[in-house]
C-alpha atoms as a PDB file:
ATOM      1  CA  UNK A   1     -21.729   9.212 -16.751  1.00  0.00           C
ATOM      2  CA  UNK A   2     -19.549   7.911 -13.950  1.00  0.00           C
ATOM      3  CA  UNK A   3     -21.280   6.705 -10.814  1.00  0.00           C
ATOM      4  CA  UNK A   4     -18.857   6.529  -7.904  1.00  0.00           C
ATOM      5  CA  UNK A   5     -19.613   4.775  -4.642  1.00  0.00           C
ATOM      6  CA  UNK A   6     -17.569   3.525  -1.745  1.00  0.00           C
ATOM      7  CA  UNK A   7     -19.045   0.048  -2.184  1.00  0.00           C
ATOM      8  CA  UNK A   8     -17.882  -0.026  -5.777  1.00  0.00           C
ATOM      9  CA  UNK A   9     -14.370   0.899  -4.659  1.00  0.00           C
ATOM     10  CA  UNK A  10     -14.341  -1.757  -1.950  1.00  0.00           C
ATOM     11  CA  UNK A  11     -15.244  -4.388  -4.535  1.00  0.00           C
ATOM     12  CA  UNK A  12     -11.623  -4.178  -5.712  1.00  0.00           C
ATOM     13  CA  UNK A  13     -10.760  -6.557  -2.894  1.00  0.00           C
ATOM     14  CA  UNK A  14     -12.640  -9.397  -4.584  1.00  0.00           C
ATOM     15  CA  UNK A  15     -10.586  -9.131  -7.786  1.00  0.00           C
ATOM     16  CA  UNK A  16      -7.528 -11.388  -8.092  1.00  0.00           C
ATOM     17  CA  UNK A  17      -4.297  -9.359  -8.250  1.00  0.00           C
ATOM     18  CA  UNK A  18      -2.496  -9.210 -11.573  1.00  0.00           C
ATOM     19  CA  UNK A  19       0.947  -7.922 -12.453  1.00  0.00           C
ATOM     20  CA  UNK A  20       1.683  -4.209 -12.433  1.00  0.00           C
ATOM     21  CA  UNK A  21       4.699  -2.777 -14.183  1.00  0.00           C
ATOM     22  CA  UNK A  22       5.908  -0.150 -11.687  1.00  0.00           C
ATOM     23  CA  UNK A  23       5.050   1.993  -8.631  1.00  0.00           C
ATOM     24  CA  UNK A  24       2.625   4.945  -8.796  1.00  0.00           C
ATOM     25  CA  UNK A  25      -0.219   2.598  -9.747  1.00  0.00           C
ATOM     26  CA  UNK A  26      -3.690   3.800  -8.749  1.00  0.00           C
ATOM     27  CA  UNK A  27      -5.377   0.397  -8.837  1.00  0.00           C
ATOM     28  CA  UNK A  28      -4.703  -1.030  -5.401  1.00  0.00           C
ATOM     29  CA  UNK A  29      -6.014  -1.970  -1.974  1.00  0.00           C
ATOM     30  CA  UNK A  30      -4.088  -1.302   1.237  1.00  0.00           C
ATOM     31  CA  UNK A  31      -4.562  -2.492   4.820  1.00  0.00           C
ATOM     32  CA  UNK A  32      -2.648  -0.517   7.471  1.00  0.00           C
ATOM     33  CA  UNK A  33      -2.298  -0.299  11.244  1.00  0.00           C
ATOM     34  CA  UNK A  34      -0.958   2.406  13.565  1.00  0.00           C
ATOM     35  CA  UNK A  35      -1.496   2.472  17.365  1.00  0.00           C
ATOM     36  CA  UNK A  36      -5.162   1.404  17.491  1.00  0.00           C
ATOM     37  CA  UNK A  37      -5.863   2.883  14.033  1.00  0.00           C
ATOM     38  CA  UNK A  38      -6.936   0.275  11.440  1.00  0.00           C
ATOM     39  CA  UNK A  39      -7.463   1.478   7.879  1.00  0.00           C
ATOM     40  CA  UNK A  40      -8.581  -0.079   4.603  1.00  0.00           C
ATOM     41  CA  UNK A  41      -7.949   2.137   1.576  1.00  0.00           C
ATOM     42  CA  UNK A  42      -8.609   1.414  -2.104  1.00  0.00           C
ATOM     43  CA  UNK A  43      -7.782   3.336  -5.270  1.00  0.00           C
ATOM     44  CA  UNK A  44      -9.147   2.922  -8.793  1.00  0.00           C
ATOM     45  CA  UNK A  45      -7.899   4.820 -11.850  1.00  0.00           C
ATOM     46  CA  UNK A  46     -10.605   6.374 -14.040  1.00  0.00           C
ATOM     47  CA  UNK A  47      -8.325   8.291 -16.450  1.00  0.00           C
ATOM     48  CA  UNK A  48      -4.585   8.773 -16.801  1.00  0.00           C
ATOM     49  CA  UNK A  49      -4.699  11.803 -14.475  1.00  0.00           C
ATOM     50  CA  UNK A  50      -7.630  11.062 -12.134  1.00  0.00           C
ATOM     51  CA  UNK A  51      -8.503   8.274  -9.724  1.00  0.00           C
ATOM     52  CA  UNK A  52     -11.111   7.615  -7.059  1.00  0.00           C
ATOM     53  CA  UNK A  53     -10.505   6.502  -3.497  1.00  0.00           C
ATOM     54  CA  UNK A  54     -12.614   4.655  -0.957  1.00  0.00           C
ATOM     55  CA  UNK A  55     -11.730   3.993   2.666  1.00  0.00           C
ATOM     56  CA  UNK A  56     -12.844   2.631   6.023  1.00  0.00           C
ATOM     57  CA  UNK A  57     -10.987   3.609   9.203  1.00  0.00           C
ATOM     58  CA  UNK A  58     -11.513   2.294  12.723  1.00  0.00           C
ATOM     59  CA  UNK A  59      -9.690   3.945  15.600  1.00  0.00           C
ATOM     60  CA  UNK A  60      -9.914   3.486  19.369  1.00  0.00           C
ATOM     61  CA  UNK A  61      -7.834   6.517  20.336  1.00  0.00           C
ATOM     62  CA  UNK A  62      -8.593   9.958  18.883  1.00  0.00           C
ATOM     63  CA  UNK A  63      -8.880  11.970  22.111  1.00  0.00           C
ATOM     64  CA  UNK A  64      -6.530  14.940  22.575  1.00  0.00           C
ATOM     65  CA  UNK A  65      -7.049  15.167  26.363  1.00  0.00           C
ATOM     66  CA  UNK A  66      -5.856  12.483  28.834  1.00  0.00           C
ATOM     67  CA  UNK A  67      -9.198  12.473  30.701  1.00  0.00           C
ATOM     68  CA  UNK A  68     -11.168  11.866  27.476  1.00  0.00           C
ATOM     69  CA  UNK A  69     -11.629   8.526  25.709  1.00  0.00           C
ATOM     70  CA  UNK A  70     -12.919   8.489  22.152  1.00  0.00           C
ATOM     71  CA  UNK A  71     -13.135   6.072  19.252  1.00  0.00           C
ATOM     72  CA  UNK A  72     -14.491   6.449  15.743  1.00  0.00           C
ATOM     73  CA  UNK A  73     -15.571   4.577  12.633  1.00  0.00           C
ATOM     74  CA  UNK A  74     -15.002   6.509   9.415  1.00  0.00           C
ATOM     75  CA  UNK A  75     -16.275   5.670   5.915  1.00  0.00           C
ATOM     76  CA  UNK A  76     -15.532   7.839   2.913  1.00  0.00           C
ATOM     77  CA  UNK A  77     -14.636   8.355  -0.734  1.00  0.00           C
ATOM     78  CA  UNK A  78     -12.813  10.946  -2.760  1.00  0.00           C
ATOM     79  CA  UNK A  79     -11.477  12.174  -6.093  1.00  0.00           C
ATOM     80  CA  UNK A  80      -7.741  12.561  -6.678  1.00  0.00           C
ATOM     81  CA  UNK A  81      -5.566  13.935  -9.450  1.00  0.00           C
ATOM     82  CA  UNK A  82      -1.898  13.199 -10.118  1.00  0.00           C
ATOM     83  CA  UNK A  83       0.873  14.433 -12.390  1.00  0.00           C
ATOM     84  CA  UNK A  84       4.056  12.529 -13.180  1.00  0.00           C
ATOM     85  CA  UNK A  85       7.371  14.327 -13.674  1.00  0.00           C
ATOM     86  CA  UNK A  86       9.454  11.834 -15.588  1.00  0.00           C
ATOM     87  CA  UNK A  87       9.501   8.282 -14.235  1.00  0.00           C
ATOM     88  CA  UNK A  88      10.643   9.112 -10.698  1.00  0.00           C
ATOM     89  CA  UNK A  89       8.244  11.726  -9.315  1.00  0.00           C
ATOM     90  CA  UNK A  90       4.478  11.996  -8.926  1.00  0.00           C
ATOM     91  CA  UNK A  91       2.608  14.933  -7.405  1.00  0.00           C
ATOM     92  CA  UNK A  92      -0.942  14.281  -6.226  1.00  0.00           C
ATOM     93  CA  UNK A  93      -3.813  16.117  -4.538  1.00  0.00           C
ATOM     94  CA  UNK A  94      -7.492  15.601  -3.881  1.00  0.00           C
ATOM     95  CA  UNK A  95     -10.529  15.903  -1.660  1.00  0.00           C
ATOM     96  CA  UNK A  96     -12.575  13.355   0.288  1.00  0.00           C
ATOM     97  CA  UNK A  97     -16.028  13.268   1.857  1.00  0.00           C
ATOM     98  CA  UNK A  98     -16.276  11.236   5.065  1.00  0.00           C
ATOM     99  CA  UNK A  99     -18.972   9.983   7.423  1.00  0.00           C
ATOM    100  CA  UNK A 100     -17.784   9.440  10.997  1.00  0.00           C
ATOM    101  CA  UNK A 101     -19.465   7.931  14.044  1.00  0.00           C
ATOM    102  CA  UNK A 102     -17.818   8.849  17.343  1.00  0.00           C
ATOM    103  CA  UNK A 103     -18.268   7.378  20.802  1.00  0.00           C
ATOM    104  CA  UNK A 104     -16.577   9.247  23.652  1.00  0.00           C
ATOM    105  CA  UNK A 105     -16.515   9.772  27.387  1.00  0.00           C
ATOM    106  CA  UNK A 106     -14.972  12.359  29.719  1.00  0.00           C
ATOM    107  CA  UNK A 107     -13.851  11.319  33.204  1.00  0.00           C
ATOM    108  CA  UNK A 108     -15.652   8.009  32.530  1.00  0.00           C
ATOM    109  CA  UNK A 109     -18.961   9.826  31.876  1.00  0.00           C
ATOM    110  CA  UNK A 110     -20.375   8.976  28.450  1.00  0.00           C
ATOM    111  CA  UNK A 111     -21.044  11.768  25.978  1.00  0.00           C
ATOM    112  CA  UNK A 112     -23.822  11.633  23.366  1.00  0.00           C
ATOM    113  CA  UNK A 113     -22.784   9.656  20.279  1.00  0.00           C
ATOM    114  CA  UNK A 114     -21.868  11.901  17.345  1.00  0.00           C
ATOM    115  CA  UNK A 115     -22.303  11.389  13.624  1.00  0.00           C
ATOM    116  CA  UNK A 116     -20.662  13.840  11.213  1.00  0.00           C
ATOM    117  CA  UNK A 117     -20.342  14.296   7.460  1.00  0.00           C
ATOM    118  CA  UNK A 118     -17.317  16.361   6.520  1.00  0.00           C
ATOM    119  CA  UNK A 119     -14.660  17.035   3.847  1.00  0.00           C
ATOM    120  CA  UNK A 120     -10.883  16.662   3.959  1.00  0.00           C
ATOM    121  CA  UNK A 121      -8.055  17.572   1.595  1.00  0.00           C
ATOM    122  CA  UNK A 122      -4.693  15.926   0.903  1.00  0.00           C
ATOM    123  CA  UNK A 123      -1.604  16.786  -1.158  1.00  0.00           C
ATOM    124  CA  UNK A 124       1.709  15.005  -1.515  1.00  0.00           C
ATOM    125  CA  UNK A 125       4.553  13.699  -3.618  1.00  0.00           C
ATOM    126  CA  UNK A 126       5.751  10.156  -4.370  1.00  0.00           C
ATOM    127  CA  UNK A 127       9.317   9.327  -5.382  1.00  0.00           C
ATOM    128  CA  UNK A 128      10.643   6.121  -6.943  1.00  0.00           C
ATOM    129  CA  UNK A 129      14.123   5.468  -8.290  1.00  0.00           C
ATOM    130  CA  UNK A 130      13.451   1.752  -8.965  1.00  0.00           C
ATOM    131  CA  UNK A 131      10.481  -0.639  -9.369  1.00  0.00           C
ATOM    132  CA  UNK A 132      11.161  -2.059  -5.879  1.00  0.00           C
ATOM    133  CA  UNK A 133      10.802   1.131  -3.804  1.00  0.00           C
ATOM    134  CA  UNK A 134       8.363   4.012  -3.499  1.00  0.00           C
ATOM    135  CA  UNK A 135       8.599   6.928  -1.032  1.00  0.00           C
ATOM    136  CA  UNK A 136       5.575   9.063  -0.074  1.00  0.00           C
ATOM    137  CA  UNK A 137       5.339  12.473   1.637  1.00  0.00           C
ATOM    138  CA  UNK A 138       1.921  14.085   2.208  1.00  0.00           C
ATOM    139  CA  UNK A 139      -0.115  16.491   4.304  1.00  0.00           C
ATOM    140  CA  UNK A 140      -3.789  15.922   5.142  1.00  0.00           C
ATOM    141  CA  UNK A 141      -6.382  18.127   6.836  1.00  0.00           C
ATOM    142  CA  UNK A 142      -9.906  17.225   7.974  1.00  0.00           C
ATOM    143  CA  UNK A 143     -12.756  19.704   8.477  1.00  0.00           C
ATOM    144  CA  UNK A 144     -14.905  17.721  10.905  1.00  0.00           C
ATOM    145  CA  UNK A 145     -17.798  19.676  12.423  1.00  0.00           C
ATOM    146  CA  UNK A 146     -17.929  17.613  15.608  1.00  0.00           C
ATOM    147  CA  UNK A 147     -19.026  19.129  18.893  1.00  0.00           C
ATOM    148  CA  UNK A 148     -15.620  18.328  20.398  1.00  0.00           C
ATOM    149  CA  UNK A 149     -12.179  18.537  18.806  1.00  0.00           C
ATOM    150  CA  UNK A 150     -10.430  15.231  18.127  1.00  0.00           C
ATOM    151  CA  UNK A 151      -7.094  14.268  16.717  1.00  0.00           C
ATOM    152  CA  UNK A 152      -7.299  12.340  13.426  1.00  0.00           C
ATOM    153  CA  UNK A 153     -10.542  14.118  12.446  1.00  0.00           C
ATOM    154  CA  UNK A 154     -10.004  17.865  12.945  1.00  0.00           C
ATOM    155  CA  UNK A 155      -6.227  17.853  12.691  1.00  0.00           C
ATOM    156  CA  UNK A 156      -3.536  18.541  10.153  1.00  0.00           C
ATOM    157  CA  UNK A 157      -1.330  15.455   9.784  1.00  0.00           C
ATOM    158  CA  UNK A 158       1.985  14.930   8.027  1.00  0.00           C
ATOM    159  CA  UNK A 159       3.044  11.505   6.734  1.00  0.00           C
ATOM    160  CA  UNK A 160       6.470  10.267   5.648  1.00  0.00           C
ATOM    161  CA  UNK A 161       6.551   6.707   4.388  1.00  0.00           C
ATOM    162  CA  UNK A 162       7.835   4.166   1.943  1.00  0.00           C
ATOM    163  CA  UNK A 163       6.912   0.873   0.271  1.00  0.00           C
ATOM    164  CA  UNK A 164       8.970  -2.127  -0.715  1.00  0.00           C
ATOM    165  CA  UNK A 165       7.508  -4.196  -3.564  1.00  0.00           C
ATOM    166  CA  UNK A 166       7.736  -7.915  -2.794  1.00  0.00           C
ATOM    167  CA  UNK A 167       6.773  -8.531  -6.409  1.00  0.00           C
ATOM    168  CA  UNK A 168       4.771  -6.610  -8.984  1.00  0.00           C
ATOM    169  CA  UNK A 169       1.460  -7.280  -7.235  1.00  0.00           C
ATOM    170  CA  UNK A 170       2.325  -6.916  -3.518  1.00  0.00           C
ATOM    171  CA  UNK A 171       4.076  -4.350  -1.333  1.00  0.00           C
ATOM    172  CA  UNK A 172       4.771  -3.783   2.357  1.00  0.00           C
ATOM    173  CA  UNK A 173       5.094  -0.314   3.825  1.00  0.00           C
ATOM    174  CA  UNK A 174       6.361   1.637   6.805  1.00  0.00           C
ATOM    175  CA  UNK A 175       5.270   5.182   7.677  1.00  0.00           C
ATOM    176  CA  UNK A 176       5.479   7.870  10.326  1.00  0.00           C
ATOM    177  CA  UNK A 177       2.403  10.059  10.916  1.00  0.00           C
ATOM    178  CA  UNK A 178       2.686  13.271  12.924  1.00  0.00           C
ATOM    179  CA  UNK A 179      -0.550  14.982  13.993  1.00  0.00           C
ATOM    180  CA  UNK A 180      -0.035  18.727  14.478  1.00  0.00           C
ATOM    181  CA  UNK A 181      -1.948  18.847  17.779  1.00  0.00           C
ATOM    182  CA  UNK A 182       0.095  16.076  19.428  1.00  0.00           C
ATOM    183  CA  UNK A 183       2.075  16.980  22.553  1.00  0.00           C
ATOM    184  CA  UNK A 184       5.003  14.807  21.448  1.00  0.00           C
ATOM    185  CA  UNK A 185       6.230  14.884  17.873  1.00  0.00           C
ATOM    186  CA  UNK A 186       8.295  11.723  18.365  1.00  0.00           C
ATOM    187  CA  UNK A 187       6.465   8.648  19.657  1.00  0.00           C
ATOM    188  CA  UNK A 188       6.276   4.954  18.736  1.00  0.00           C
ATOM    189  CA  UNK A 189       2.486   5.352  18.367  1.00  0.00           C
ATOM    190  CA  UNK A 190       3.037   7.345  15.169  1.00  0.00           C
ATOM    191  CA  UNK A 191       4.695   4.452  13.336  1.00  0.00           C
ATOM    192  CA  UNK A 192       2.430   2.564  10.935  1.00  0.00           C
ATOM    193  CA  UNK A 193       2.763  -0.600   8.868  1.00  0.00           C
ATOM    194  CA  UNK A 194       0.847  -1.571   5.730  1.00  0.00           C
ATOM    195  CA  UNK A 195       0.294  -4.304   3.168  1.00  0.00           C
ATOM    196  CA  UNK A 196      -0.848  -3.501  -0.382  1.00  0.00           C
ATOM    197  CA  UNK A 197      -2.199  -5.464  -3.336  1.00  0.00           C
ATOM    198  CA  UNK A 198      -1.983  -4.045  -6.852  1.00  0.00           C
ATOM    199  CA  UNK A 199      -4.468  -4.772  -9.637  1.00  0.00           C
ATOM    200  CA  UNK A 200      -4.613  -4.363 -13.393  1.00  0.00           C
END
């Protein structure tokens, strides 16, 4: 019987990185930043086709209205499946369960703090023509049951990104995240950077 917990996933960070042969590995930890959004994500393979995820996100800007300020802390875990087509293409999909704590105010008047437990789904494709590069395209949707609607929690988001492998255990990444409810599709705030460690 497999017992999956977020704490078990986060323990990957304490393991020394060892060499991986190629991209598409599902044993890794990634730290990323995008316009007041910090994220720590880990993956751990459990079979050839399935892997678990664990994550912690901290954001100081999820409000959709200019007169609203909102920030959130999000902790979650999920189950993913992937299928490789040859050595260059991987399709993946999965579902996560998240716990969020939200602090917000409207016109500088504090709202009651919210705590929500909700699911989200993700699907995407990764492409790699060499061991040094990996491209990633995905769509994600959260089903938060919060009293108010927030970007990043209740939204559909689309991500286009890529990674460059410094060596077989480390990679740096660049991505662009568009949230469907955003007024502007093109903004510097949507650009994210990341650093990843890969494990055996």
